[in-house]
Amino acid sequence: MKKLPVNYLTILLSISLALLPVRSQALQNQVSREQDIVNLQLGQRVMVDDGTCPSGQIKQIMGARMSASGVVRTHKCIPRPGSKK
């Protein structure tokens, strides 16, 4: 049985650790209350499932533009991802 060189193991470990923030960021893309959104960045979109939109839709909060006090948020109801028309 051949042993893998340490370099391959180091590369595999580095790649797996590098992908962890991507996965956690995707999981944080939806919250249940708008108050749970902290540090919204310019261009970032977060879905809020708080029941304020009609059936089959979800609220999307977006960092729309910069102002003197920080990022200005906009919100709109969009079709739920994966919902049938």
N, C-alpha and C. Protein backbone atom coordinates (compact mmCIF):
# COMPACT_ATOMS: atom_id res chain seq x y z
N MET A 1 0.84 -1.17 0.00
CA MET A 1 0.00 0.00 0.00
C MET A 1 0.89 1.24 0.00
N LYS A 2 0.57 2.18 -0.87
CA LYS A 2 1.35 3.41 -0.97
C LYS A 2 0.84 4.42 0.05
N LYS A 3 1.76 5.15 0.60
CA LYS A 3 1.40 6.25 1.49
C LYS A 3 1.31 7.53 0.67
N LEU A 4 0.30 8.32 0.96
CA LEU A 4 0.20 9.62 0.29
C LEU A 4 1.25 10.55 0.87
N PRO A 5 1.91 11.29 0.02
CA PRO A 5 2.87 12.26 0.55
C PRO A 5 2.16 13.30 1.42
N VAL A 6 2.87 13.82 2.35
CA VAL A 6 2.31 14.80 3.27
C VAL A 6 1.76 16.01 2.52
N ASN A 7 2.35 16.37 1.41
CA ASN A 7 1.90 17.53 0.65
C ASN A 7 0.45 17.37 0.19
N TYR A 8 0.06 16.18 -0.26
CA TYR A 8 -1.32 15.96 -0.70
C TYR A 8 -2.28 16.08 0.47
N LEU A 9 -1.93 15.54 1.60
CA LEU A 9 -2.79 15.64 2.78
C LEU A 9 -2.93 17.09 3.23
N THR A 10 -1.87 17.83 3.16
CA THR A 10 -1.91 19.24 3.53
C THR A 10 -2.82 20.02 2.59
N ILE A 11 -2.72 19.73 1.31
CA ILE A 11 -3.56 20.41 0.31
C ILE A 11 -5.03 20.06 0.53
N LEU A 12 -5.35 18.80 0.76
CA LEU A 12 -6.74 18.40 0.99
C LEU A 12 -7.31 19.05 2.24
N LEU A 13 -6.53 19.09 3.30
CA LEU A 13 -6.98 19.72 4.53
C LEU A 13 -7.20 21.22 4.33
N SER A 14 -6.30 21.87 3.61
CA SER A 14 -6.43 23.30 3.35
C SER A 14 -7.68 23.62 2.55
N ILE A 15 -7.97 22.80 1.54
CA ILE A 15 -9.16 23.02 0.71
C ILE A 15 -10.42 22.84 1.54
N SER A 16 -10.48 21.81 2.36
CA SER A 16 -11.68 21.57 3.16
C SER A 16 -11.88 22.69 4.17
N LEU A 17 -10.82 23.19 4.77
CA LEU A 17 -10.95 24.30 5.71
C LEU A 17 -11.34 25.59 5.00
N ALA A 18 -10.88 25.77 3.78
CA ALA A 18 -11.22 26.97 3.02
C ALA A 18 -12.69 27.00 2.63
N LEU A 19 -13.31 25.84 2.48
CA LEU A 19 -14.71 25.78 2.07
C LEU A 19 -15.68 25.96 3.24
N LEU A 20 -15.23 25.85 4.47
CA LEU A 20 -16.12 26.00 5.62
C LEU A 20 -16.81 27.36 5.68
N PRO A 21 -16.11 28.49 5.48
CA PRO A 21 -16.81 29.77 5.52
C PRO A 21 -17.86 29.91 4.42
N VAL A 22 -17.64 29.33 3.26
CA VAL A 22 -18.61 29.39 2.17
C VAL A 22 -19.89 28.68 2.59
N ARG A 23 -19.75 27.53 3.20
CA ARG A 23 -20.91 26.76 3.65
C ARG A 23 -21.66 27.50 4.75
N SER A 24 -20.95 28.06 5.72
CA SER A 24 -21.62 28.75 6.81
C SER A 24 -22.29 30.03 6.32
N GLN A 25 -21.71 30.69 5.33
CA GLN A 25 -22.33 31.89 4.78
C GLN A 25 -23.63 31.54 4.07
N ALA A 26 -23.65 30.43 3.36
CA ALA A 26 -24.87 30.00 2.68
C ALA A 26 -25.96 29.65 3.67
N LEU A 27 -25.60 29.08 4.80
CA LEU A 27 -26.58 28.73 5.81
C LEU A 27 -27.17 29.97 6.47
N GLN A 28 -26.44 31.06 6.50
CA GLN A 28 -26.91 32.29 7.13
C GLN A 28 -27.67 33.18 6.16
N ASN A 29 -28.01 32.68 4.99
CA ASN A 29 -28.68 33.46 3.98
C ASN A 29 -30.16 33.66 4.28
N GLN A 30 -30.73 32.94 5.28
CA GLN A 30 -32.13 33.07 5.63
C GLN A 30 -32.27 33.16 7.14
N VAL A 31 -33.06 34.12 7.59
CA VAL A 31 -33.32 34.30 9.01
C VAL A 31 -34.83 34.38 9.22
N SER A 32 -35.26 34.27 10.48
CA SER A 32 -36.69 34.30 10.75
C SER A 32 -37.19 35.69 11.14
N ARG A 33 -36.28 36.59 11.53
CA ARG A 33 -36.67 37.96 11.87
C ARG A 33 -35.69 38.94 11.24
N GLU A 34 -36.19 40.08 10.83
CA GLU A 34 -35.32 41.09 10.22
C GLU A 34 -34.31 41.62 11.24
N GLN A 35 -34.64 41.61 12.51
CA GLN A 35 -33.74 42.08 13.55
C GLN A 35 -32.51 41.18 13.69
N ASP A 36 -32.59 39.95 13.17
CA ASP A 36 -31.47 39.02 13.26
C ASP A 36 -30.37 39.33 12.26
N ILE A 37 -30.60 40.26 11.35
CA ILE A 37 -29.59 40.62 10.34
C ILE A 37 -28.66 41.66 10.96
N VAL A 38 -27.40 41.31 11.08
CA VAL A 38 -26.40 42.25 11.59
C VAL A 38 -25.30 42.40 10.55
N ASN A 39 -24.75 43.59 10.47
CA ASN A 39 -23.64 43.87 9.55
C ASN A 39 -23.97 43.53 8.11
N LEU A 40 -25.11 43.99 7.62
CA LEU A 40 -25.46 43.79 6.22
C LEU A 40 -24.48 44.56 5.34
N GLN A 41 -23.93 43.90 4.35
CA GLN A 41 -22.94 44.52 3.48
C GLN A 41 -23.59 44.99 2.18
N LEU A 42 -22.93 45.90 1.52
CA LEU A 42 -23.41 46.45 0.26
C LEU A 42 -23.56 45.32 -0.76
N GLY A 43 -24.74 45.16 -1.32
CA GLY A 43 -25.01 44.12 -2.31
C GLY A 43 -25.43 42.78 -1.73
N GLN A 44 -25.29 42.61 -0.43
CA GLN A 44 -25.66 41.34 0.21
C GLN A 44 -27.19 41.20 0.24
N ARG A 45 -27.66 39.97 0.03
CA ARG A 45 -29.09 39.68 0.07
C ARG A 45 -29.36 38.63 1.12
N VAL A 46 -30.38 38.89 1.95
CA VAL A 46 -30.76 37.95 3.00
C VAL A 46 -32.26 37.75 2.93
N MET A 47 -32.70 36.49 2.99
CA MET A 47 -34.13 36.18 2.97
C MET A 47 -34.64 36.17 4.41
N VAL A 48 -35.81 36.77 4.62
CA VAL A 48 -36.43 36.83 5.95
C VAL A 48 -37.78 36.14 5.87
N ASP A 49 -37.93 35.06 6.62
CA ASP A 49 -39.18 34.29 6.63
C ASP A 49 -39.97 34.67 7.88
N ASP A 50 -40.56 35.88 7.84
CA ASP A 50 -41.30 36.36 9.01
C ASP A 50 -42.81 36.41 8.79
N GLY A 51 -43.28 35.91 7.65
CA GLY A 51 -44.72 35.84 7.40
C GLY A 51 -45.35 37.12 6.91
N THR A 52 -44.56 38.14 6.59
CA THR A 52 -45.13 39.42 6.14
C THR A 52 -45.46 39.42 4.65
N CYS A 53 -44.93 38.48 3.89
CA CYS A 53 -45.19 38.41 2.45
C CYS A 53 -46.33 37.41 2.17
N PRO A 54 -46.98 37.55 1.02
CA PRO A 54 -48.06 36.61 0.66
C PRO A 54 -47.55 35.17 0.56
N SER A 55 -48.47 34.25 0.54
CA SER A 55 -48.14 32.83 0.44
C SER A 55 -47.31 32.56 -0.81
N GLY A 56 -46.27 31.76 -0.67
CA GLY A 56 -45.40 31.43 -1.79
C GLY A 56 -44.30 32.44 -2.04
N GLN A 57 -44.23 33.48 -1.19
CA GLN A 57 -43.19 34.50 -1.33
C GLN A 57 -42.42 34.65 -0.02
N ILE A 58 -41.24 35.24 -0.12
CA ILE A 58 -40.40 35.49 1.04
C ILE A 58 -39.81 36.88 0.91
N LYS A 59 -39.56 37.53 2.05
CA LYS A 59 -39.01 38.88 2.03
C LYS A 59 -37.50 38.82 1.78
N GLN A 60 -37.04 39.67 0.86
CA GLN A 60 -35.62 39.78 0.56
C GLN A 60 -35.13 41.15 1.02
N ILE A 61 -34.14 41.15 1.91
CA ILE A 61 -33.51 42.39 2.37
C ILE A 61 -32.19 42.50 1.63
N MET A 62 -31.91 43.69 1.10
CA MET A 62 -30.69 43.88 0.33
C MET A 62 -29.98 45.16 0.76
N GLY A 63 -28.65 45.09 0.87
CA GLY A 63 -27.86 46.28 1.12
C GLY A 63 -27.77 47.05 -0.19
N ALA A 64 -28.56 48.12 -0.32
CA ALA A 64 -28.74 48.77 -1.62
C ALA A 64 -27.69 49.83 -1.94
N ARG A 65 -27.38 50.69 -0.98
CA ARG A 65 -26.42 51.77 -1.26
C ARG A 65 -25.82 52.25 0.05
N MET A 66 -24.73 52.99 -0.08
CA MET A 66 -24.05 53.53 1.10
C MET A 66 -24.59 54.92 1.41
N SER A 67 -24.71 55.20 2.69
CA SER A 67 -25.06 56.54 3.15
C SER A 67 -24.05 56.93 4.23
N ALA A 68 -24.19 58.12 4.77
CA ALA A 68 -23.28 58.57 5.82
C ALA A 68 -23.38 57.69 7.07
N SER A 69 -24.56 57.11 7.30
CA SER A 69 -24.76 56.29 8.50
C SER A 69 -24.53 54.80 8.25
N GLY A 70 -24.20 54.41 7.03
CA GLY A 70 -23.93 53.01 6.73
C GLY A 70 -24.68 52.52 5.51
N VAL A 71 -24.95 51.22 5.46
CA VAL A 71 -25.63 50.60 4.32
C VAL A 71 -27.13 50.80 4.45
N VAL A 72 -27.76 51.30 3.38
CA VAL A 72 -29.22 51.48 3.35
C VAL A 72 -29.85 50.17 2.88
N ARG A 73 -30.84 49.69 3.63
CA ARG A 73 -31.51 48.43 3.32
C ARG A 73 -32.76 48.68 2.48
N THR A 74 -33.02 47.78 1.54
CA THR A 74 -34.29 47.78 0.82
C THR A 74 -34.91 46.40 1.03
N HIS A 75 -36.22 46.33 0.91
CA HIS A 75 -36.88 45.04 1.05
C HIS A 75 -37.98 44.90 0.02
N LYS A 76 -38.19 43.65 -0.41
CA LYS A 76 -39.27 43.35 -1.34
C LYS A 76 -39.63 41.88 -1.19
N CYS A 77 -40.84 41.53 -1.59
CA CYS A 77 -41.28 40.15 -1.57
C CYS A 77 -40.93 39.50 -2.92
N ILE A 78 -40.30 38.34 -2.85
CA ILE A 78 -39.91 37.62 -4.06
C ILE A 78 -40.46 36.19 -3.97
N PRO A 79 -40.59 35.50 -5.09
CA PRO A 79 -41.03 34.09 -5.04
C PRO A 79 -40.05 33.25 -4.23
N ARG A 80 -40.58 32.35 -3.42
CA ARG A 80 -39.71 31.46 -2.64
C ARG A 80 -38.88 30.59 -3.58
N PRO A 81 -37.61 30.43 -3.26
CA PRO A 81 -36.79 29.53 -4.07
C PRO A 81 -37.34 28.10 -4.00
N GLY A 82 -37.50 27.47 -5.15
CA GLY A 82 -37.99 26.09 -5.17
C GLY A 82 -39.49 25.97 -5.14
N SER A 83 -40.23 27.10 -5.04
CA SER A 83 -41.68 26.98 -5.02
C SER A 83 -42.22 26.82 -6.44
N LYS A 84 -43.31 26.07 -6.57
CA LYS A 84 -43.90 25.83 -7.88
C LYS A 84 -44.84 26.97 -8.23
N LYS A 85 -44.93 27.26 -9.52
CA LYS A 85 -45.79 28.37 -9.97
C LYS A 85 -47.16 27.85 -10.35
